[in-house]
Amino acid sequence: MTVEHEITQRDLRSRSGEIMDAVAHGETFVVTRSGTPIGELVPLRQRRVVSRAEFAAMSESAMVVDVERFRTDLDDAVDAEMRDPYGR
């Protein structure tokens, strides 16, 4: 669970190193100016690399798509007629 703190713009300026360390450890800060929230400091989501073997294993349980039915549904939903976007 993310911990959220409210800090002033002045706190951010004077304690930036400490605050950035806290963000790096999962804490979130709402920055205020004159009591009004103006921004939020949040940790970046961690990206996870999936190996080819993991992807293959996950794909085994994926839904099978009927390509012909998908194409028909797509054709029914989209007007494929070419038009001049500037024509009136």
PDB file of N, CA and C in Angstrom:
ATOM      1  N   MET A   1       0.840  -1.176   0.000  1.00  0.00           N
ATOM      2  CA  MET A   1       0.000   0.000   0.000  1.00  0.00           C
ATOM      3  C   MET A   1       0.892   1.247   0.000  1.00  0.00           C
ATOM      4  N   THR A   2       0.511   2.231  -0.781  1.00  0.00           N
ATOM      5  CA  THR A   2       1.282   3.457  -0.884  1.00  0.00           C
ATOM      6  C   THR A   2       0.905   4.403   0.249  1.00  0.00           C
ATOM      7  N   VAL A   3       1.920   4.974   0.889  1.00  0.00           N
ATOM      8  CA  VAL A   3       1.706   5.965   1.940  1.00  0.00           C
ATOM      9  C   VAL A   3       1.673   7.332   1.274  1.00  0.00           C
ATOM     10  N   GLU A   4       0.661   8.152   1.593  1.00  0.00           N
ATOM     11  CA  GLU A   4       0.548   9.479   0.992  1.00  0.00           C
ATOM     12  C   GLU A   4       0.737  10.549   2.060  1.00  0.00           C
ATOM     13  N   HIS A   5       1.575  11.527   1.735  1.00  0.00           N
ATOM     14  CA  HIS A   5       1.833  12.646   2.637  1.00  0.00           C
ATOM     15  C   HIS A   5       1.508  13.947   1.916  1.00  0.00           C
ATOM     16  N   GLU A   6       1.145  14.957   2.679  1.00  0.00           N
ATOM     17  CA  GLU A   6       0.956  16.290   2.117  1.00  0.00           C
ATOM     18  C   GLU A   6       2.132  17.154   2.558  1.00  0.00           C
ATOM     19  N   ILE A   7       2.778  17.800   1.599  1.00  0.00           N
ATOM     20  CA  ILE A   7       3.919  18.662   1.919  1.00  0.00           C
ATOM     21  C   ILE A   7       3.756  19.996   1.193  1.00  0.00           C
ATOM     22  N   THR A   8       4.371  21.019   1.760  1.00  0.00           N
ATOM     23  CA  THR A   8       4.316  22.333   1.115  1.00  0.00           C
ATOM     24  C   THR A   8       5.425  22.440   0.077  1.00  0.00           C
ATOM     25  N   GLN A   9       5.267  23.404  -0.808  1.00  0.00           N
ATOM     26  CA  GLN A   9       6.289  23.669  -1.810  1.00  0.00           C
ATOM     27  C   GLN A   9       7.623  23.988  -1.122  1.00  0.00           C
ATOM     28  N   ARG A  10       7.549  24.716  -0.018  1.00  0.00           N
ATOM     29  CA  ARG A  10       8.754  25.064   0.733  1.00  0.00           C
ATOM     30  C   ARG A  10       9.430  23.810   1.291  1.00  0.00           C
ATOM     31  N   ASP A  11       8.617  22.853   1.838  1.00  0.00           N
ATOM     32  CA  ASP A  11       9.181  21.585   2.317  1.00  0.00           C
ATOM     33  C   ASP A  11       9.895  20.848   1.189  1.00  0.00           C
ATOM     34  N   LEU A  12       9.276  20.830   0.030  1.00  0.00           N
ATOM     35  CA  LEU A  12       9.879  20.144  -1.105  1.00  0.00           C
ATOM     36  C   LEU A  12      11.237  20.749  -1.449  1.00  0.00           C
ATOM     37  N   ARG A  13      11.293  22.076  -1.423  1.00  0.00           N
ATOM     38  CA  ARG A  13      12.557  22.755  -1.730  1.00  0.00           C
ATOM     39  C   ARG A  13      13.625  22.445  -0.689  1.00  0.00           C
ATOM     40  N   SER A  14      13.251  22.505   0.570  1.00  0.00           N
ATOM     41  CA  SER A  14      14.262  22.364   1.628  1.00  0.00           C
ATOM     42  C   SER A  14      14.610  20.914   1.963  1.00  0.00           C
ATOM     43  N   ARG A  15      13.710  19.970   1.667  1.00  0.00           N
ATOM     44  CA  ARG A  15      13.939  18.564   2.034  1.00  0.00           C
ATOM     45  C   ARG A  15      13.900  17.648   0.812  1.00  0.00           C
ATOM     46  N   SER A  16      14.296  18.184  -0.342  1.00  0.00           N
ATOM     47  CA  SER A  16      14.119  17.420  -1.587  1.00  0.00           C
ATOM     48  C   SER A  16      14.805  16.052  -1.554  1.00  0.00           C
ATOM     49  N   GLY A  17      16.018  15.978  -1.035  1.00  0.00           N
ATOM     50  CA  GLY A  17      16.723  14.694  -0.989  1.00  0.00           C
ATOM     51  C   GLY A  17      15.983  13.661  -0.173  1.00  0.00           C
ATOM     52  N   GLU A  18      15.554  14.069   1.015  1.00  0.00           N
ATOM     53  CA  GLU A  18      14.807  13.167   1.908  1.00  0.00           C
ATOM     54  C   GLU A  18      13.486  12.738   1.260  1.00  0.00           C
ATOM     55  N   ILE A  19      12.804  13.678   0.627  1.00  0.00           N
ATOM     56  CA  ILE A  19      11.508  13.376   0.002  1.00  0.00           C
ATOM     57  C   ILE A  19      11.695  12.439  -1.188  1.00  0.00           C
ATOM     58  N   MET A  20      12.706  12.677  -2.013  1.00  0.00           N
ATOM     59  CA  MET A  20      12.955  11.802  -3.166  1.00  0.00           C
ATOM     60  C   MET A  20      13.329  10.394  -2.717  1.00  0.00           C
ATOM     61  N   ASP A  21      14.072  10.272  -1.613  1.00  0.00           N
ATOM     62  CA  ASP A  21      14.382   8.943  -1.067  1.00  0.00           C
ATOM     63  C   ASP A  21      13.090   8.229  -0.660  1.00  0.00           C
ATOM     64  N   ALA A  22      12.175   8.970  -0.031  1.00  0.00           N
ATOM     65  CA  ALA A  22      10.894   8.385   0.384  1.00  0.00           C
ATOM     66  C   ALA A  22      10.075   7.950  -0.835  1.00  0.00           C
ATOM     67  N   VAL A  23      10.074   8.762  -1.893  1.00  0.00           N
ATOM     68  CA  VAL A  23       9.360   8.394  -3.125  1.00  0.00           C
ATOM     69  C   VAL A  23       9.966   7.114  -3.704  1.00  0.00           C
ATOM     70  N   ALA A  24      11.288   7.033  -3.695  1.00  0.00           N
ATOM     71  CA  ALA A  24      11.969   5.838  -4.213  1.00  0.00           C
ATOM     72  C   ALA A  24      11.583   4.589  -3.425  1.00  0.00           C
ATOM     73  N   HIS A  25      11.152   4.776  -2.169  1.00  0.00           N
ATOM     74  CA  HIS A  25      10.731   3.639  -1.335  1.00  0.00           C
ATOM     75  C   HIS A  25       9.219   3.458  -1.308  1.00  0.00           C
ATOM     76  N   GLY A  26       8.508   4.084  -2.264  1.00  0.00           N
ATOM     77  CA  GLY A  26       7.077   3.826  -2.428  1.00  0.00           C
ATOM     78  C   GLY A  26       6.123   4.843  -1.844  1.00  0.00           C
ATOM     79  N   GLU A  27       6.630   5.893  -1.227  1.00  0.00           N
ATOM     80  CA  GLU A  27       5.727   6.890  -0.642  1.00  0.00           C
ATOM     81  C   GLU A  27       5.300   7.908  -1.705  1.00  0.00           C
ATOM     82  N   THR A  28       4.115   8.461  -1.524  1.00  0.00           N
ATOM     83  CA  THR A  28       3.544   9.461  -2.431  1.00  0.00           C
ATOM     84  C   THR A  28       3.359  10.754  -1.672  1.00  0.00           C
ATOM     85  N   PHE A  29       3.607  11.876  -2.345  1.00  0.00           N
ATOM     86  CA  PHE A  29       3.465  13.191  -1.731  1.00  0.00           C
ATOM     87  C   PHE A  29       2.571  14.075  -2.581  1.00  0.00           C
ATOM     88  N   VAL A  30       1.631  14.757  -1.929  1.00  0.00           N
ATOM     89  CA  VAL A  30       0.839  15.793  -2.572  1.00  0.00           C
ATOM     90  C   VAL A  30       1.491  17.111  -2.175  1.00  0.00           C
ATOM     91  N   VAL A  31       1.895  17.888  -3.179  1.00  0.00           N
ATOM     92  CA  VAL A  31       2.570  19.166  -2.932  1.00  0.00           C
ATOM     93  C   VAL A  31       1.527  20.273  -2.945  1.00  0.00           C
ATOM     94  N   THR A  32       1.595  21.147  -1.930  1.00  0.00           N
ATOM     95  CA  THR A  32       0.637  22.251  -1.839  1.00  0.00           C
ATOM     96  C   THR A  32       1.357  23.598  -1.921  1.00  0.00           C
ATOM     97  N   ARG A  33       0.625  24.581  -2.399  1.00  0.00           N
ATOM     98  CA  ARG A  33       1.099  25.966  -2.398  1.00  0.00           C
ATOM     99  C   ARG A  33      -0.037  26.793  -1.806  1.00  0.00           C
ATOM    100  N   SER A  34       0.244  27.482  -0.738  1.00  0.00           N
ATOM    101  CA  SER A  34      -0.771  28.276  -0.026  1.00  0.00           C
ATOM    102  C   SER A  34      -1.979  27.420   0.338  1.00  0.00           C
ATOM    103  N   GLY A  35      -1.727  26.171   0.715  1.00  0.00           N
ATOM    104  CA  GLY A  35      -2.801  25.273   1.150  1.00  0.00           C
ATOM    105  C   GLY A  35      -3.559  24.590   0.026  1.00  0.00           C
ATOM    106  N   THR A  36      -3.236  24.906  -1.229  1.00  0.00           N
ATOM    107  CA  THR A  36      -3.930  24.320  -2.375  1.00  0.00           C
ATOM    108  C   THR A  36      -3.052  23.254  -3.027  1.00  0.00           C
ATOM    109  N   PRO A  37      -3.567  22.040  -3.196  1.00  0.00           N
ATOM    110  CA  PRO A  37      -2.783  21.004  -3.866  1.00  0.00           C
ATOM    111  C   PRO A  37      -2.448  21.423  -5.302  1.00  0.00           C
ATOM    112  N   ILE A  38      -1.152  21.275  -5.672  1.00  0.00           N
ATOM    113  CA  ILE A  38      -0.739  21.669  -7.020  1.00  0.00           C
ATOM    114  C   ILE A  38      -0.055  20.551  -7.786  1.00  0.00           C
ATOM    115  N   GLY A  39       0.325  19.497  -7.104  1.00  0.00           N
ATOM    116  CA  GLY A  39       1.003  18.408  -7.791  1.00  0.00           C
ATOM    117  C   GLY A  39       1.145  17.196  -6.913  1.00  0.00           C
ATOM    118  N   GLU A  40       1.648  16.144  -7.525  1.00  0.00           N
ATOM    119  CA  GLU A  40       1.797  14.887  -6.809  1.00  0.00           C
ATOM    120  C   GLU A  40       3.123  14.248  -7.213  1.00  0.00           C
ATOM    121  N   LEU A  41       3.858  13.771  -6.241  1.00  0.00           N
ATOM    122  CA  LEU A  41       5.079  13.008  -6.485  1.00  0.00           C
ATOM    123  C   LEU A  41       4.762  11.557  -6.203  1.00  0.00           C
ATOM    124  N   VAL A  42       4.888  10.728  -7.220  1.00  0.00           N
ATOM    125  CA  VAL A  42       4.554   9.304  -7.071  1.00  0.00           C
ATOM    126  C   VAL A  42       5.707   8.458  -7.599  1.00  0.00           C
ATOM    127  N   PRO A  43       5.928   7.287  -7.017  1.00  0.00           N
ATOM    128  CA  PRO A  43       6.979   6.399  -7.517  1.00  0.00           C
ATOM    129  C   PRO A  43       6.619   5.892  -8.915  1.00  0.00           C
ATOM    130  N   LEU A  44       7.632   5.699  -9.741  1.00  0.00           N
ATOM    131  CA  LEU A  44       7.409   5.106 -11.054  1.00  0.00           C
ATOM    132  C   LEU A  44       7.079   3.636 -10.886  1.00  0.00           C
ATOM    133  N   ARG A  45       6.205   3.150 -11.746  1.00  0.00           N
ATOM    134  CA  ARG A  45       5.910   1.717 -11.732  1.00  0.00           C
ATOM    135  C   ARG A  45       7.130   0.976 -12.251  1.00  0.00           C
ATOM    136  N   GLN A  46       7.429  -0.134 -11.641  1.00  0.00           N
ATOM    137  CA  GLN A  46       8.570  -0.940 -12.063  1.00  0.00           C
ATOM    138  C   GLN A  46       8.175  -1.770 -13.277  1.00  0.00           C
ATOM    139  N   ARG A  47       9.009  -1.742 -14.283  1.00  0.00           N
ATOM    140  CA  ARG A  47       8.757  -2.547 -15.476  1.00  0.00           C
ATOM    141  C   ARG A  47       9.356  -3.926 -15.256  1.00  0.00           C
ATOM    142  N   ARG A  48       8.680  -4.918 -15.766  1.00  0.00           N
ATOM    143  CA  ARG A  48       9.138  -6.291 -15.608  1.00  0.00           C
ATOM    144  C   ARG A  48       9.343  -6.891 -16.986  1.00  0.00           C
ATOM    145  N   VAL A  49      10.501  -7.425 -17.213  1.00  0.00           N
ATOM    146  CA  VAL A  49      10.802  -8.084 -18.481  1.00  0.00           C
ATOM    147  C   VAL A  49      10.312  -9.517 -18.390  1.00  0.00           C
ATOM    148  N   VAL A  50       9.573  -9.935 -19.407  1.00  0.00           N
ATOM    149  CA  VAL A  50       9.036 -11.292 -19.449  1.00  0.00           C
ATOM    150  C   VAL A  50       9.871 -12.090 -20.444  1.00  0.00           C
ATOM    151  N   SER A  51      10.356 -13.210 -20.002  1.00  0.00           N
ATOM    152  CA  SER A  51      11.171 -14.060 -20.887  1.00  0.00           C
ATOM    153  C   SER A  51      10.273 -14.708 -21.938  1.00  0.00           C
ATOM    154  N   ARG A  52      10.909 -15.193 -22.986  1.00  0.00           N
ATOM    155  CA  ARG A  52      10.178 -15.881 -24.055  1.00  0.00           C
ATOM    156  C   ARG A  52       9.422 -17.094 -23.500  1.00  0.00           C
ATOM    157  N   ALA A  53      10.063 -17.820 -22.595  1.00  0.00           N
ATOM    158  CA  ALA A  53       9.438 -19.011 -22.009  1.00  0.00           C
ATOM    159  C   ALA A  53       8.216 -18.628 -21.174  1.00  0.00           C
ATOM    160  N   GLU A  54       8.318 -17.536 -20.385  1.00  0.00           N
ATOM    161  CA  GLU A  54       7.173 -17.087 -19.591  1.00  0.00           C
ATOM    162  C   GLU A  54       6.025 -16.651 -20.501  1.00  0.00           C
ATOM    163  N   PHE A  55       6.364 -15.926 -21.571  1.00  0.00           N
ATOM    164  CA  PHE A  55       5.337 -15.475 -22.509  1.00  0.00           C
ATOM    165  C   PHE A  55       4.633 -16.669 -23.147  1.00  0.00           C
ATOM    166  N   ALA A  56       5.415 -17.670 -23.544  1.00  0.00           N
ATOM    167  CA  ALA A  56       4.832 -18.867 -24.151  1.00  0.00           C
ATOM    168  C   ALA A  56       3.910 -19.579 -23.165  1.00  0.00           C
ATOM    169  N   ALA A  57       4.323 -19.667 -21.904  1.00  0.00           N
ATOM    170  CA  ALA A  57       3.506 -20.333 -20.883  1.00  0.00           C
ATOM    171  C   ALA A  57       2.200 -19.568 -20.650  1.00  0.00           C
ATOM    172  N   MET A  58       2.288 -18.234 -20.603  1.00  0.00           N
ATOM    173  CA  MET A  58       1.072 -17.428 -20.415  1.00  0.00           C
ATOM    174  C   MET A  58       0.148 -17.538 -21.620  1.00  0.00           C
ATOM    175  N   SER A  59       0.735 -17.668 -22.809  1.00  0.00           N
ATOM    176  CA  SER A  59      -0.055 -17.719 -24.037  1.00  0.00           C
ATOM    177  C   SER A  59      -0.851 -19.005 -24.161  1.00  0.00           C
ATOM    178  N   GLU A  60      -0.400 -20.055 -23.509  1.00  0.00           N
ATOM    179  CA  GLU A  60      -1.110 -21.333 -23.581  1.00  0.00           C
ATOM    180  C   GLU A  60      -2.531 -21.232 -23.059  1.00  0.00           C
ATOM    181  N   SER A  61      -2.758 -20.353 -22.084  1.00  0.00           N
ATOM    182  CA  SER A  61      -4.102 -20.229 -21.518  1.00  0.00           C
ATOM    183  C   SER A  61      -4.859 -19.032 -22.093  1.00  0.00           C
ATOM    184  N   ALA A  62      -4.287 -18.392 -23.111  1.00  0.00           N
ATOM    185  CA  ALA A  62      -4.945 -17.228 -23.720  1.00  0.00           C
ATOM    186  C   ALA A  62      -6.135 -17.674 -24.565  1.00  0.00           C
ATOM    187  N   MET A  63      -7.077 -16.782 -24.718  1.00  0.00           N
ATOM    188  CA  MET A  63      -8.266 -17.046 -25.512  1.00  0.00           C
ATOM    189  C   MET A  63      -7.872 -17.214 -26.991  1.00  0.00           C
ATOM    190  N   VAL A  64      -8.493 -18.158 -27.658  1.00  0.00           N
ATOM    191  CA  VAL A  64      -8.250 -18.370 -29.077  1.00  0.00           C
ATOM    192  C   VAL A  64      -9.178 -17.432 -29.850  1.00  0.00           C
ATOM    193  N   VAL A  65      -8.607 -16.719 -30.816  1.00  0.00           N
ATOM    194  CA  VAL A  65      -9.380 -15.767 -31.610  1.00  0.00           C
ATOM    195  C   VAL A  65      -9.691 -16.378 -32.968  1.00  0.00           C
ATOM    196  N   ASP A  66     -10.965 -16.383 -33.311  1.00  0.00           N
ATOM    197  CA  ASP A  66     -11.390 -16.819 -34.643  1.00  0.00           C
ATOM    198  C   ASP A  66     -11.132 -15.639 -35.582  1.00  0.00           C
ATOM    199  N   VAL A  67     -10.098 -15.746 -36.392  1.00  0.00           N
ATOM    200  CA  VAL A  67      -9.656 -14.635 -37.232  1.00  0.00           C
ATOM    201  C   VAL A  67     -10.746 -14.199 -38.214  1.00  0.00           C
ATOM    202  N   GLU A  68     -11.440 -15.129 -38.826  1.00  0.00           N
ATOM    203  CA  GLU A  68     -12.495 -14.775 -39.793  1.00  0.00           C
ATOM    204  C   GLU A  68     -13.643 -14.028 -39.114  1.00  0.00           C
ATOM    205  N   ARG A  69     -14.056 -14.503 -37.937  1.00  0.00           N
ATOM    206  CA  ARG A  69     -15.137 -13.823 -37.208  1.00  0.00           C
ATOM    207  C   ARG A  69     -14.688 -12.429 -36.753  1.00  0.00           C
ATOM    208  N   PHE A  70     -13.438 -12.326 -36.303  1.00  0.00           N
ATOM    209  CA  PHE A  70     -12.902 -11.031 -35.890  1.00  0.00           C
ATOM    210  C   PHE A  70     -12.934 -10.055 -37.058  1.00  0.00           C
ATOM    211  N   ARG A  71     -12.489 -10.493 -38.229  1.00  0.00           N
ATOM    212  CA  ARG A  71     -12.473  -9.631 -39.413  1.00  0.00           C
ATOM    213  C   ARG A  71     -13.884  -9.204 -39.797  1.00  0.00           C
ATOM    214  N   THR A  72     -14.834 -10.118 -39.728  1.00  0.00           N
ATOM    215  CA  THR A  72     -16.227  -9.788 -40.038  1.00  0.00           C
ATOM    216  C   THR A  72     -16.768  -8.772 -39.047  1.00  0.00           C
ATOM    217  N   ASP A  73     -16.517  -8.976 -37.771  1.00  0.00           N
ATOM    218  CA  ASP A  73     -16.964  -8.023 -36.753  1.00  0.00           C
ATOM    219  C   ASP A  73     -16.335  -6.653 -36.973  1.00  0.00           C
ATOM    220  N   LEU A  74     -15.067  -6.647 -37.323  1.00  0.00           N
ATOM    221  CA  LEU A  74     -14.365  -5.392 -37.580  1.00  0.00           C
ATOM    222  C   LEU A  74     -14.950  -4.686 -38.804  1.00  0.00           C
ATOM    223  N   ASP A  75     -15.184  -5.419 -39.871  1.00  0.00           N
ATOM    224  CA  ASP A  75     -15.779  -4.830 -41.072  1.00  0.00           C
ATOM    225  C   ASP A  75     -17.170  -4.269 -40.799  1.00  0.00           C
ATOM    226  N   ASP A  76     -17.937  -4.948 -39.944  1.00  0.00           N
ATOM    227  CA  ASP A  76     -19.274  -4.464 -39.597  1.00  0.00           C
ATOM    228  C   ASP A  76     -19.220  -3.188 -38.758  1.00  0.00           C
ATOM    229  N   ALA A  77     -18.181  -3.049 -37.975  1.00  0.00           N
ATOM    230  CA  ALA A  77     -18.091  -1.917 -37.043  1.00  0.00           C
ATOM    231  C   ALA A  77     -17.449  -0.681 -37.655  1.00  0.00           C
ATOM    232  N   VAL A  78     -16.640  -0.862 -38.693  1.00  0.00           N
ATOM    233  CA  VAL A  78     -15.872   0.258 -39.238  1.00  0.00           C
ATOM    234  C   VAL A  78     -16.318   0.547 -40.666  1.00  0.00           C
ATOM    235  N   ASP A  79     -16.539   1.826 -40.948  1.00  0.00           N
ATOM    236  CA  ASP A  79     -16.864   2.251 -42.291  1.00  0.00           C
ATOM    237  C   ASP A  79     -15.550   2.417 -43.045  1.00  0.00           C
ATOM    238  N   ALA A  80     -15.281   1.547 -44.000  1.00  0.00           N
ATOM    239  CA  ALA A  80     -13.998   1.539 -44.693  1.00  0.00           C
ATOM    240  C   ALA A  80     -13.977   2.437 -45.928  1.00  0.00           C
ATOM    241  N   GLU A  81     -15.050   3.163 -46.177  1.00  0.00           N
ATOM    242  CA  GLU A  81     -15.104   4.028 -47.358  1.00  0.00           C
ATOM    243  C   GLU A  81     -14.137   5.195 -47.203  1.00  0.00           C
ATOM    244  N   MET A  82     -13.352   5.437 -48.264  1.00  0.00           N
ATOM    245  CA  MET A  82     -12.392   6.540 -48.251  1.00  0.00           C
ATOM    246  C   MET A  82     -13.124   7.848 -48.527  1.00  0.00           C
ATOM    247  N   ARG A  83     -12.816   8.859 -47.721  1.00  0.00           N
ATOM    248  CA  ARG A  83     -13.427  10.167 -47.899  1.00  0.00           C
ATOM    249  C   ARG A  83     -12.358  11.251 -47.777  1.00  0.00           C
ATOM    250  N   ASP A  84     -12.603  12.373 -48.427  1.00  0.00           N
ATOM    251  CA  ASP A  84     -11.715  13.529 -48.298  1.00  0.00           C
ATOM    252  C   ASP A  84     -12.010  14.174 -46.938  1.00  0.00           C
ATOM    253  N   PRO A  85     -11.032  14.188 -46.008  1.00  0.00           N
ATOM    254  CA  PRO A  85     -11.311  14.761 -44.688  1.00  0.00           C
ATOM    255  C   PRO A  85     -11.591  16.260 -44.736  1.00  0.00           C
ATOM    256  N   TYR A  86     -11.220  16.908 -45.845  1.00  0.00           N
ATOM    257  CA  TYR A  86     -11.437  18.353 -45.970  1.00  0.00           C
ATOM    258  C   TYR A  86     -12.636  18.683 -46.850  1.00  0.00           C
ATOM    259  N   GLY A  87     -13.227  17.652 -47.437  1.00  0.00           N
ATOM    260  CA  GLY A  87     -14.392  17.871 -48.299  1.00  0.00           C
ATOM    261  C   GLY A  87     -15.625  18.201 -47.477  1.00  0.00           C
ATOM    262  N   ARG A  88     -16.497  18.981 -48.070  1.00  0.00           N
ATOM    263  CA  ARG A  88     -17.734  19.332 -47.330  1.00  0.00           C
ATOM    264  C   ARG A  88     -18.941  18.901 -48.077  1.00  0.00           C
TER     265      ARG A  88
END
